[in-house]
Amino acid sequence: MKPTGIFYGSATGQTRDAAYKIAANLGINPADVYNVADTGPSAVGKYDNLILGTSTWGDGDLEDDWMDFIDGLESLDLKGKKIVLFGCGDETMTETFCNGVGLLYDRLAGTGATFIGEGFPIDCFSFATSKAVKGGRACGLLLDNVNHEQLTDTRIGEWTKDIKPKLG
């Protein structure tokens, strides 16, 4: 697998925990897992693959730690890099479930990167709308540890099996 870095923002620790589970499933060294609150966007430079994770806060907003990082990241030329998205949400926030994942997608769509890991099933969740759903497909791995914690490990395992060959 080509060099892969995982970058996450996490206020409660749920997204951090998911990031490390994803790393373990993909055989990624924990040293290649970064909290965006403590990392500059230039850290992505040494990686061909970027796995980006966020939670959703407030009225469907991106997790606060991402604000400065995403500003810097979207200004970079990411052509040739692959981006994979994941995020945690609460389906009872039925109008904004996992919006943060969709906001990352929207902000990075013009960077020249290629997105992979899209279309992973979301039929286990019940919500009205989400910015993380584009054309009826999730734009990354969506998790809900509030209402469906029992699904998280299985979803991460299945998703990482799907994306691993695509990471090169």
Protein backbone atom coordinates (compact mmCIF):
# COMPACT_ATOMS: atom_id res chain seq x y z
CA MET A 1 0.00 0.00 0.00
CA LYS A 2 1.25 3.47 -0.85
CA PRO A 3 2.04 5.83 2.04
CA THR A 4 -1.20 6.61 3.85
CA GLY A 5 -1.87 9.19 6.54
CA ILE A 6 -4.99 9.44 8.67
CA PHE A 7 -6.06 12.90 9.80
CA TYR A 8 -8.98 13.39 12.17
CA GLY A 9 -10.78 16.00 14.25
CA SER A 10 -12.54 14.74 17.35
CA ALA A 11 -14.15 16.57 20.25
CA THR A 12 -15.41 13.56 22.24
CA GLY A 13 -12.91 10.91 21.15
CA GLN A 14 -15.29 8.89 18.95
CA THR A 15 -13.67 9.95 15.68
CA ARG A 16 -10.19 9.52 17.18
CA ASP A 17 -11.04 5.98 18.22
CA ALA A 18 -12.41 5.23 14.75
CA ALA A 19 -9.22 6.63 13.17
CA TYR A 20 -7.05 4.24 15.16
CA LYS A 21 -9.34 1.29 14.39
CA ILE A 22 -9.11 2.13 10.70
CA ALA A 23 -5.32 2.34 11.00
CA ALA A 24 -5.16 -1.07 12.70
CA ASN A 25 -7.38 -2.65 10.04
CA LEU A 26 -5.24 -1.24 7.23
CA GLY A 27 -1.89 -1.95 8.91
CA ILE A 28 -1.06 1.76 9.17
CA ASN A 29 1.48 2.73 11.81
CA PRO A 30 -0.07 4.80 14.63
CA ALA A 31 2.65 7.41 13.97
CA ASP A 32 0.81 8.11 10.70
CA VAL A 33 -2.42 9.05 12.51
CA TYR A 34 -2.77 12.77 13.22
CA ASN A 35 -5.11 14.96 15.23
CA VAL A 36 -5.72 18.02 13.03
CA ALA A 37 -5.82 20.17 16.18
CA ASP A 38 -2.07 19.54 16.60
CA THR A 39 -1.00 19.22 12.95
CA GLY A 40 -0.31 21.59 10.09
CA PRO A 41 -1.77 20.92 6.63
CA SER A 42 1.74 20.50 5.18
CA ALA A 43 1.91 17.13 6.99
CA VAL A 44 -0.17 15.63 4.16
CA GLY A 45 2.70 16.20 1.71
CA LYS A 46 4.45 12.91 2.39
CA TYR A 47 1.35 10.79 1.79
CA ASP A 48 -0.19 9.52 -1.45
CA ASN A 49 -3.39 8.57 0.37
CA LEU A 50 -5.26 10.70 2.88
CA ILE A 51 -7.92 9.26 5.14
CA LEU A 52 -9.81 12.15 6.70
CA GLY A 53 -12.28 11.87 9.56
CA THR A 54 -14.56 14.29 11.34
CA SER A 55 -17.53 14.45 13.59
CA THR A 56 -20.48 16.78 13.05
CA TRP A 57 -21.36 19.51 15.55
CA GLY A 58 -23.90 22.22 16.21
CA ASP A 59 -26.28 22.74 13.33
CA GLY A 60 -24.48 20.24 11.10
CA ASP A 61 -21.09 21.92 11.15
CA LEU A 62 -17.61 20.55 10.65
CA GLU A 63 -15.84 19.69 13.91
CA ASP A 64 -14.04 22.83 15.19
CA ASP A 65 -10.51 21.40 15.02
CA TRP A 66 -10.83 21.15 11.24
CA MET A 67 -11.35 24.88 10.64
CA ASP A 68 -7.72 26.03 10.25
CA PHE A 69 -6.55 22.69 8.87
CA ILE A 70 -9.13 22.57 6.08
CA ASP A 71 -8.40 26.16 5.07
CA GLY A 72 -4.77 25.22 4.52
CA LEU A 73 -5.53 21.85 2.98
CA GLU A 74 -7.91 23.17 0.33
CA SER A 75 -5.29 25.66 -0.81
CA LEU A 76 -2.85 22.84 -1.61
CA ASP A 77 -2.58 21.10 -4.96
CA LEU A 78 -3.60 17.56 -4.06
CA LYS A 79 -3.56 16.27 -7.63
CA GLY A 80 -2.51 12.63 -7.69
CA LYS A 81 -3.54 12.00 -4.08
CA LYS A 82 -6.44 9.80 -3.05
CA ILE A 83 -8.80 10.99 -0.34
CA VAL A 84 -11.00 8.69 1.72
CA LEU A 85 -13.54 10.16 4.16
CA PHE A 86 -15.15 8.89 7.34
CA GLY A 87 -17.11 10.46 10.13
CA CYS A 88 -19.19 10.06 13.23
CA GLY A 89 -22.65 11.42 13.78
CA ASP A 90 -25.93 10.91 15.59
CA GLU A 91 -28.86 9.80 13.44
CA THR A 92 -31.30 11.55 15.78
CA MET A 93 -29.90 14.74 14.26
CA THR A 94 -32.04 13.68 11.33
CA GLU A 95 -31.45 16.76 9.13
CA THR A 96 -27.66 16.91 9.60
CA PHE A 97 -26.47 13.32 10.17
CA CYS A 98 -22.70 13.16 9.48
CA ASN A 99 -22.80 16.47 7.60
CA GLY A 100 -19.13 17.00 8.47
CA VAL A 101 -18.13 14.27 6.02
CA GLY A 102 -20.00 16.03 3.22
CA LEU A 103 -18.50 19.37 4.17
CA LEU A 104 -14.99 17.90 3.89
CA TYR A 105 -15.92 16.49 0.50
CA ASP A 106 -17.29 19.81 -0.72
CA ARG A 107 -14.28 21.77 0.50
CA LEU A 108 -11.76 19.39 -1.10
CA ALA A 109 -13.55 18.64 -4.37
CA GLY A 110 -11.55 21.31 -6.21
CA THR A 111 -8.08 20.26 -5.03
CA GLY A 112 -7.38 17.77 -7.81
CA ALA A 113 -7.52 14.76 -5.48
CA THR A 114 -9.43 11.59 -6.33
CA PHE A 115 -12.05 10.44 -3.83
CA ILE A 116 -12.44 6.74 -3.06
CA GLY A 117 -14.44 4.79 -0.48
CA GLU A 118 -17.77 6.23 -1.55
CA GLY A 119 -21.03 4.36 -1.68
CA PHE A 120 -20.64 2.31 1.52
CA PRO A 121 -24.13 1.22 2.67
CA ILE A 122 -26.07 3.53 4.97
CA ASP A 123 -29.37 1.67 5.13
CA CYS A 124 -28.69 0.74 8.77
CA PHE A 125 -29.30 4.38 9.75
CA SER A 126 -32.53 6.35 9.87
CA PHE A 127 -32.21 10.05 8.98
CA ALA A 128 -33.91 12.52 6.68
CA THR A 129 -30.97 14.21 4.96
CA SER A 130 -27.22 14.63 5.10
CA LYS A 131 -24.58 16.58 3.22
CA ALA A 132 -22.57 13.33 3.40
CA VAL A 133 -24.94 11.77 0.87
CA LYS A 134 -24.31 12.78 -2.73
CA GLY A 135 -26.52 11.36 -5.46
CA GLY A 136 -27.98 8.81 -3.04
CA ARG A 137 -24.54 7.50 -2.03
CA ALA A 138 -22.51 8.18 1.09
CA CYS A 139 -19.28 9.99 0.25
CA GLY A 140 -17.43 7.98 2.90
CA LEU A 141 -17.84 5.72 5.91
CA LEU A 142 -20.58 7.00 8.21
CA LEU A 143 -20.67 5.84 11.84
CA ASP A 144 -23.07 6.42 14.73
CA ASN A 145 -21.59 5.43 18.08
CA VAL A 146 -24.47 7.11 19.93
CA ASN A 147 -27.23 4.88 18.60
CA HIS A 148 -25.44 2.04 16.79
CA GLU A 149 -22.11 1.48 18.56
CA GLN A 150 -22.53 -2.27 18.02
CA LEU A 151 -22.14 -1.73 14.24
CA THR A 152 -18.94 0.32 14.32
CA ASP A 153 -16.28 -2.41 14.36
CA THR A 154 -18.05 -4.43 11.66
CA ARG A 155 -18.58 -1.36 9.46
CA ILE A 156 -14.93 -0.33 9.82
CA GLY A 157 -13.79 -3.89 9.02
CA GLU A 158 -15.93 -4.18 5.89
CA TRP A 159 -15.10 -0.67 4.68
CA THR A 160 -11.35 -1.10 5.12
CA LYS A 161 -11.47 -4.38 3.17
CA ASP A 162 -13.17 -2.47 0.37
CA ILE A 163 -10.79 0.50 0.26
CA LYS A 164 -7.46 -1.27 0.88
CA PRO A 165 -6.94 -2.45 -2.73
CA LYS A 166 -7.92 1.01 -3.99
CA LEU A 167 -5.18 2.66 -1.91
CA GLY A 168 -2.55 1.03 -4.12
